[in-house]
Amino acid sequence: MPDFFTSLAPLLTDSFLQRGALWALNNIPNFPPIIQTVHILGIAVVMGTAVLLNLRTLGLVLPSQNLTEMTNRVVPWFWLALVSNLISGAFFIFGRPNRYFNNPVFASKMAFLIPAILLTGFFYWMHKRQAGYWEQTNKKWPARAIAIISIGLWIMVCTGGRWIAYLEYLEYPLWYMEPYFDGSEYSFWVGVENWGLSQIIAATNWFPTLETIHVIAASMVVGSIAWVDLRLIGVAVTDTPISTLNRDLVRWTWGAFVVAAITGLGMFITRAAGHLENPAFLWKLVLLALAGANMTYFHFKVYRHVDQWDTAIATPARVKAAGFLSLFLWCGVMLAGRWVGHIV
């Protein structure tokens, strides 16, 4: 690791920044999981802005959106999310500088984050210099190359963020182990924890790998749903019919949800009995069920009359209510998910 990077840890140790961060983390009730949730929601906004913009540049998503207009629309949200993540992440970095500035995974995250930000800034700057710049015929391939590199960088940023706490898995990699079973009788859910697959996931690199994919997929779910919810409320993407936006995003939302569900199940079986006694995990299940119920009610009841308000900016009260409730419930799912690891 570069000396200038590791030298930051002693500079911050016992500084007013560390004292302030530690005071907040130790004295504000429930502050660690709340600020972690804010950070993950910021990641969801990044997925719903920068990553979707890159996917649109590649022609893979939101074909109804003009690239120039979409860039104008989403990049300001991206900068807000970035500032939010810098602030929320700073509490943990300042609170434990030795843990981060002496951690090669954190250094790698920064090495991916800086060019990712610069690349997004360059894309936006060239767009502002000339309207429709990236839609010119001779600029489409450079734009696609930037999009591919940018997506890769953001995935690596998210991966680095999740692996910071799993440095020992990188230093002592273990991709397979012989499952242990002593022949004792267990309850069903304890038995699930003792499945060979459960023990392999729990004790090897598979757990942080699944967690990384889970966070990225969950962020994509919330990021894509937020587009539709904000349109239902009437505060974003108001120039696009609701039915068109919903059609453009639904397969990405469901695809990401399936990935999140599979990886979540893989993590669940490693501590099945403990999770089912964890109130945060139970709340997460309840909130997921409510979010699903809200979505089902909206699509099978409210959405049947979409032709009456499809292009309206000021949507009916029941439509706004569905959008607000969806945002609230999915934020609650993310918060409960972060709380799971804080309850022993």
Protein backbone atom coordinates (compact mmCIF):
# COMPACT_ATOMS: atom_id res chain seq x y z
CA MET A 1 0.00 0.00 0.00
CA PRO A 2 1.26 3.56 -0.71
CA ASP A 3 2.91 5.26 2.26
CA PHE A 4 0.85 8.43 1.84
CA PHE A 5 -2.31 6.34 2.26
CA THR A 6 -1.24 4.54 5.43
CA SER A 7 0.15 7.80 6.85
CA LEU A 8 -3.39 9.19 7.03
CA ALA A 9 -4.33 6.80 9.85
CA PRO A 10 -2.01 8.31 12.52
CA LEU A 11 -2.98 11.81 11.41
CA LEU A 12 -6.65 11.08 12.09
CA THR A 13 -6.11 9.05 15.26
CA ASP A 14 -7.28 11.03 18.31
CA SER A 15 -8.16 14.00 16.09
CA PHE A 16 -11.35 16.01 16.54
CA LEU A 17 -12.73 14.17 13.49
CA GLN A 18 -12.25 10.80 15.16
CA ARG A 19 -13.66 12.03 18.47
CA GLY A 20 -16.72 13.48 16.74
CA ALA A 21 -17.34 10.34 14.69
CA LEU A 22 -16.94 8.05 17.70
CA TRP A 23 -19.26 10.21 19.77
CA ALA A 24 -21.97 9.94 17.10
CA LEU A 25 -21.47 6.19 16.60
CA ASN A 26 -21.49 5.45 20.34
CA ASN A 27 -24.03 7.94 21.69
CA ILE A 28 -26.74 8.51 19.08
CA PRO A 29 -29.29 5.69 19.48
CA ASN A 30 -29.18 3.17 16.63
CA PHE A 31 -26.83 5.41 14.66
CA PRO A 32 -24.51 2.73 13.10
CA PRO A 33 -27.23 0.72 11.29
CA ILE A 34 -29.11 3.91 10.34
CA ILE A 35 -26.07 5.57 8.78
CA GLN A 36 -25.16 2.28 7.08
CA THR A 37 -28.68 2.17 5.62
CA VAL A 38 -28.27 5.74 4.34
CA HIS A 39 -25.03 4.61 2.70
CA ILE A 40 -26.66 1.60 1.03
CA LEU A 41 -29.61 3.70 -0.14
CA GLY A 42 -27.02 6.02 -1.67
CA ILE A 43 -25.61 3.00 -3.50
CA ALA A 44 -29.15 2.27 -4.72
CA VAL A 45 -29.37 5.80 -6.12
CA VAL A 46 -26.02 5.31 -7.86
CA MET A 47 -27.38 2.08 -9.37
CA GLY A 48 -30.54 3.90 -10.41
CA THR A 49 -28.65 6.79 -12.00
CA ALA A 50 -25.06 6.19 -13.14
CA VAL A 51 -25.44 2.45 -13.80
CA LEU A 52 -28.82 2.77 -15.54
CA LEU A 53 -27.43 5.67 -17.58
CA ASN A 54 -24.56 3.43 -18.67
CA LEU A 55 -26.95 0.62 -19.51
CA ARG A 56 -29.04 3.09 -21.53
CA THR A 57 -25.89 4.17 -23.38
CA LEU A 58 -25.36 0.51 -24.28
CA GLY A 59 -28.97 0.28 -25.46
CA LEU A 60 -29.88 -2.36 -22.88
CA VAL A 61 -32.47 -0.51 -20.80
CA LEU A 62 -34.98 2.38 -20.96
CA PRO A 63 -35.23 2.60 -24.76
CA SER A 64 -37.99 5.20 -24.33
CA GLN A 65 -35.56 7.64 -22.73
CA ASN A 66 -33.60 10.06 -24.89
CA LEU A 67 -29.94 9.80 -23.81
CA THR A 68 -29.43 13.56 -23.66
CA GLU A 69 -32.56 14.16 -21.59
CA MET A 70 -31.80 11.19 -19.35
CA THR A 71 -28.30 12.50 -18.66
CA ASN A 72 -29.73 15.88 -17.63
CA ARG A 73 -32.27 14.15 -15.44
CA VAL A 74 -30.21 11.60 -13.53
CA VAL A 75 -26.71 13.03 -13.08
CA PRO A 76 -27.77 15.66 -10.47
CA TRP A 77 -29.29 12.81 -8.42
CA PHE A 78 -26.02 10.93 -8.80
CA TRP A 79 -24.02 13.83 -7.34
CA LEU A 80 -26.44 14.10 -4.40
CA ALA A 81 -26.07 10.37 -3.72
CA LEU A 82 -22.31 10.65 -3.95
CA VAL A 83 -22.20 13.48 -1.40
CA SER A 84 -24.53 11.50 0.88
CA ASN A 85 -22.28 8.44 0.67
CA LEU A 86 -19.13 10.45 1.34
CA ILE A 87 -20.73 11.91 4.49
CA SER A 88 -22.20 8.61 5.73
CA GLY A 89 -19.00 6.70 5.00
CA ALA A 90 -16.86 9.34 6.70
CA PHE A 91 -18.31 8.49 10.13
CA PHE A 92 -16.81 4.99 9.96
CA ILE A 93 -13.56 6.04 8.29
CA PHE A 94 -12.89 8.82 10.81
CA GLY A 95 -14.07 6.66 13.70
CA ARG A 96 -11.67 3.81 12.88
CA PRO A 97 -8.95 5.21 10.59
CA ASN A 98 -6.51 2.34 11.28
CA ARG A 99 -9.08 -0.20 10.13
CA TYR A 100 -9.50 1.56 6.79
CA PHE A 101 -6.23 3.23 5.85
CA ASN A 102 -4.24 0.08 6.66
CA ASN A 103 -6.67 -2.10 4.74
CA PRO A 104 -5.69 -2.90 1.13
CA VAL A 105 -9.33 -3.62 0.25
CA PHE A 106 -10.30 -0.07 1.22
CA ALA A 107 -7.38 1.24 -0.83
CA SER A 108 -8.64 -0.80 -3.78
CA LYS A 109 -12.13 0.61 -3.33
CA MET A 110 -10.71 4.15 -3.51
CA ALA A 111 -8.66 3.16 -6.56
CA PHE A 112 -11.88 2.17 -8.34
CA LEU A 113 -14.06 4.96 -6.91
CA ILE A 114 -11.93 7.89 -8.06
CA PRO A 115 -11.82 6.91 -11.77
CA ALA A 116 -15.52 5.97 -11.63
CA ILE A 117 -16.37 9.48 -10.43
CA LEU A 118 -14.00 11.10 -12.94
CA LEU A 119 -15.44 9.06 -15.80
CA THR A 120 -18.99 10.05 -14.87
CA GLY A 121 -17.88 13.66 -14.56
CA PHE A 122 -16.18 13.53 -17.97
CA PHE A 123 -19.28 12.02 -19.58
CA TYR A 124 -21.48 14.75 -18.08
CA TRP A 125 -19.02 17.55 -18.89
CA MET A 126 -18.83 16.62 -22.58
CA HIS A 127 -22.62 16.33 -22.64
CA LYS A 128 -22.99 19.84 -21.19
CA ARG A 129 -20.49 21.31 -23.65
CA GLN A 130 -22.57 20.16 -26.60
CA ALA A 131 -26.15 18.94 -26.46
CA GLY A 132 -26.47 15.47 -27.95
CA TYR A 133 -22.70 14.99 -27.94
CA TRP A 134 -22.79 11.28 -27.11
CA GLU A 135 -25.60 10.62 -29.61
CA GLN A 136 -23.49 11.63 -32.58
CA THR A 137 -22.69 8.70 -34.85
CA ASN A 138 -18.93 8.98 -34.39
CA LYS A 139 -19.28 9.22 -30.58
CA LYS A 140 -21.49 6.20 -29.98
CA TRP A 141 -18.68 3.65 -29.70
CA PRO A 142 -16.56 5.82 -27.36
CA ALA A 143 -19.71 6.34 -25.27
CA ARG A 144 -20.29 2.58 -25.10
CA ALA A 145 -16.69 1.96 -24.12
CA ILE A 146 -17.03 4.51 -21.32
CA ALA A 147 -20.29 2.85 -20.22
CA ILE A 148 -18.73 -0.62 -20.03
CA ILE A 149 -15.71 0.64 -18.08
CA SER A 150 -17.94 2.70 -15.78
CA ILE A 151 -20.22 -0.24 -14.96
CA GLY A 152 -17.19 -2.38 -14.18
CA LEU A 153 -15.75 0.32 -11.92
CA TRP A 154 -18.99 0.78 -9.97
CA ILE A 155 -19.34 -2.97 -9.48
CA MET A 156 -15.79 -3.09 -8.13
CA VAL A 157 -16.52 -0.13 -5.82
CA CYS A 158 -19.51 -1.99 -4.35
CA THR A 159 -17.47 -5.19 -4.11
CA GLY A 160 -14.65 -3.43 -2.30
CA GLY A 161 -17.10 -1.84 0.10
CA ARG A 162 -18.49 -5.20 1.15
CA TRP A 163 -15.10 -6.95 1.34
CA ILE A 164 -13.46 -4.40 3.65
CA ALA A 165 -14.67 -6.39 6.65
CA TYR A 166 -13.57 -9.70 5.09
CA LEU A 167 -9.86 -9.06 4.62
CA GLU A 168 -8.98 -12.37 6.27
CA TYR A 169 -10.93 -14.22 3.56
CA LEU A 170 -8.55 -12.72 0.99
CA GLU A 171 -5.42 -13.34 3.02
CA TYR A 172 -6.39 -16.93 3.79
CA PRO A 173 -8.64 -17.93 0.90
CA LEU A 174 -10.73 -21.04 1.37
CA TRP A 175 -13.15 -22.00 -1.39
CA TYR A 176 -14.11 -25.42 -0.11
CA MET A 177 -14.21 -27.31 3.17
CA GLU A 178 -15.42 -30.72 4.25
CA PRO A 179 -18.80 -30.23 5.99
CA TYR A 180 -18.83 -31.34 9.62
CA PHE A 181 -21.71 -33.25 11.16
CA ASP A 182 -21.43 -34.96 14.57
CA GLY A 183 -24.55 -37.07 14.20
CA SER A 184 -26.56 -35.19 16.84
CA GLU A 185 -30.30 -34.57 16.49
CA TYR A 186 -31.22 -30.97 15.85
CA SER A 187 -34.33 -28.94 15.30
CA PHE A 188 -35.18 -28.46 11.64
CA TRP A 189 -33.66 -24.97 11.33
CA VAL A 190 -30.50 -25.90 13.23
CA GLY A 191 -30.34 -28.87 10.90
CA VAL A 192 -30.46 -26.45 7.96
CA GLU A 193 -27.43 -24.66 9.43
CA ASN A 194 -25.65 -28.03 9.48
CA TRP A 195 -26.27 -28.83 5.85
CA GLY A 196 -23.01 -29.31 4.00
CA LEU A 197 -23.80 -26.36 1.71
CA SER A 198 -24.58 -24.12 4.70
CA GLN A 199 -21.29 -24.90 6.40
CA ILE A 200 -19.28 -24.41 3.22
CA ILE A 201 -20.86 -20.99 2.59
CA ALA A 202 -20.43 -19.90 6.21
CA ALA A 203 -16.76 -20.85 6.50
CA THR A 204 -15.40 -19.90 3.08
CA ASN A 205 -15.16 -16.99 0.67
CA TRP A 206 -18.64 -17.83 -0.57
CA PHE A 207 -20.32 -15.85 2.22
CA PRO A 208 -18.77 -12.43 1.45
CA THR A 209 -19.15 -13.19 -2.27
CA LEU A 210 -22.88 -13.85 -1.87
CA GLU A 211 -23.25 -10.79 0.36
CA THR A 212 -21.57 -8.60 -2.25
CA ILE A 213 -23.84 -9.83 -5.04
CA HIS A 214 -26.85 -9.48 -2.71
CA VAL A 215 -26.11 -5.83 -1.92
CA ILE A 216 -25.53 -4.95 -5.59
CA ALA A 217 -28.73 -6.73 -6.67
CA ALA A 218 -30.81 -5.23 -3.83
CA SER A 219 -29.50 -1.77 -4.71
CA MET A 220 -30.52 -2.35 -8.33
CA VAL A 221 -34.00 -3.41 -7.19
CA VAL A 222 -34.52 -0.29 -5.08
CA GLY A 223 -32.83 1.97 -7.62
CA SER A 224 -35.10 0.83 -10.46
CA ILE A 225 -38.26 0.81 -8.35
CA ALA A 226 -37.51 4.36 -7.23
CA TRP A 227 -37.79 5.56 -10.83
CA VAL A 228 -41.37 4.32 -11.08
CA ASP A 229 -42.30 5.43 -7.57
CA LEU A 230 -41.02 8.98 -8.12
CA ARG A 231 -42.96 9.09 -11.39
CA LEU A 232 -46.11 7.96 -9.58
CA ILE A 233 -45.62 10.72 -7.04
CA GLY A 234 -45.09 13.22 -9.85
CA VAL A 235 -41.62 14.52 -8.95
CA ALA A 236 -39.41 12.84 -11.58
CA VAL A 237 -39.49 11.57 -15.18
CA THR A 238 -42.78 13.42 -15.63
CA ASP A 239 -42.36 13.63 -19.41
CA THR A 240 -42.60 9.84 -19.76
CA PRO A 241 -45.86 7.86 -19.57
CA ILE A 242 -46.00 5.70 -16.46
CA SER A 243 -46.84 2.58 -18.48
CA THR A 244 -43.78 3.09 -20.69
CA LEU A 245 -41.44 3.58 -17.74
CA ASN A 246 -42.87 0.57 -15.96
CA ARG A 247 -42.50 -1.60 -19.06
CA ASP A 248 -38.90 -0.49 -19.61
CA LEU A 249 -37.77 -1.28 -16.05
CA VAL A 250 -39.86 -4.22 -14.90
CA ARG A 251 -37.62 -7.00 -16.28
CA TRP A 252 -34.53 -5.40 -14.70
CA THR A 253 -36.32 -5.06 -11.37
CA TRP A 254 -37.47 -8.66 -11.35
CA GLY A 255 -34.13 -9.95 -12.59
CA ALA A 256 -32.28 -8.13 -9.81
CA PHE A 257 -34.87 -9.30 -7.27
CA VAL A 258 -34.38 -12.95 -8.25
CA VAL A 259 -30.59 -12.59 -7.84
CA ALA A 260 -31.08 -10.85 -4.46
CA ALA A 261 -33.48 -13.59 -3.31
CA ILE A 262 -31.14 -16.44 -4.30
CA THR A 263 -28.08 -14.87 -2.68
CA GLY A 264 -30.13 -13.92 0.38
CA LEU A 265 -31.30 -17.51 0.74
CA GLY A 266 -27.69 -18.67 0.51
CA MET A 267 -26.74 -16.42 3.43
CA PHE A 268 -29.89 -17.30 5.39
CA ILE A 269 -29.18 -21.04 5.54
CA THR A 270 -25.83 -20.40 7.27
CA ARG A 271 -27.67 -19.08 10.36
CA ALA A 272 -31.26 -20.14 9.76
CA ALA A 273 -32.24 -20.71 13.41
CA GLY A 274 -30.55 -17.52 14.59
CA HIS A 275 -32.14 -15.42 11.86
CA LEU A 276 -35.63 -16.66 12.71
CA GLU A 277 -35.07 -15.44 16.28
CA ASN A 278 -33.70 -12.10 15.10
CA PRO A 279 -36.41 -9.38 15.22
CA ALA A 280 -34.66 -7.34 12.51
CA PHE A 281 -34.75 -10.29 10.12
CA LEU A 282 -38.42 -10.93 10.93
CA TRP A 283 -39.20 -7.26 10.30
CA LYS A 284 -37.37 -7.49 6.99
CA LEU A 285 -39.62 -10.40 5.98
CA VAL A 286 -42.73 -8.48 7.07
CA LEU A 287 -41.69 -5.36 5.16
CA LEU A 288 -40.85 -7.43 2.07
CA ALA A 289 -44.31 -9.01 2.26
CA LEU A 290 -45.94 -5.58 2.63
CA ALA A 291 -43.92 -4.20 -0.27
CA GLY A 292 -45.02 -7.17 -2.36
CA ALA A 293 -48.65 -6.70 -1.29
CA ASN A 294 -48.50 -3.01 -2.16
CA MET A 295 -47.02 -3.84 -5.57
CA THR A 296 -49.65 -6.52 -6.19
CA TYR A 297 -52.50 -4.19 -5.21
CA PHE A 298 -51.11 -1.43 -7.42
CA HIS A 299 -50.69 -3.62 -10.52
CA PHE A 300 -53.93 -5.57 -10.22
CA LYS A 301 -56.20 -2.82 -8.89
CA VAL A 302 -54.87 0.70 -9.40
CA TYR A 303 -52.88 0.07 -12.60
CA ARG A 304 -55.97 -1.26 -14.39
CA HIS A 305 -57.00 2.37 -14.90
CA VAL A 306 -53.56 3.60 -15.97
CA ASP A 307 -54.97 5.01 -19.22
CA GLN A 308 -56.76 7.69 -17.16
CA TRP A 309 -53.56 9.10 -15.63
CA ASP A 310 -50.73 7.59 -17.68
CA THR A 311 -49.34 10.93 -18.87
CA ALA A 312 -50.52 13.09 -15.96
CA ILE A 313 -47.97 14.87 -13.80
CA ALA A 314 -50.46 15.35 -10.97
CA THR A 315 -51.51 11.73 -10.51
CA PRO A 316 -54.55 10.69 -8.41
CA ALA A 317 -54.16 10.42 -4.64
CA ARG A 318 -54.29 6.59 -4.64
CA VAL A 319 -51.47 6.48 -7.19
CA LYS A 320 -49.31 8.85 -5.15
CA ALA A 321 -50.07 6.82 -2.03
CA ALA A 322 -48.84 3.63 -3.73
CA GLY A 323 -45.61 5.39 -4.74
CA PHE A 324 -44.98 6.86 -1.29
CA LEU A 325 -45.76 3.57 0.43
CA SER A 326 -43.45 1.66 -1.92
CA LEU A 327 -40.53 4.01 -1.23
CA PHE A 328 -41.18 3.84 2.53
CA LEU A 329 -41.39 0.04 2.59
CA TRP A 330 -38.28 -0.56 0.49
CA CYS A 331 -36.28 1.87 2.63
CA GLY A 332 -37.55 -0.10 5.62
CA VAL A 333 -36.39 -3.36 4.03
CA MET A 334 -32.89 -1.91 3.61
CA LEU A 335 -32.85 -0.61 7.20
CA ALA A 336 -34.00 -3.94 8.62
CA GLY A 337 -31.39 -5.72 6.52
CA ARG A 338 -28.62 -3.63 8.06
CA TRP A 339 -30.05 -4.19 11.55
CA VAL A 340 -29.80 -7.99 11.17
CA GLY A 341 -26.05 -7.94 11.76
CA HIS A 342 -26.36 -5.58 14.74
CA ILE A 343 -28.60 -7.90 16.76
CA VAL A 344 -26.91 -10.91 18.29
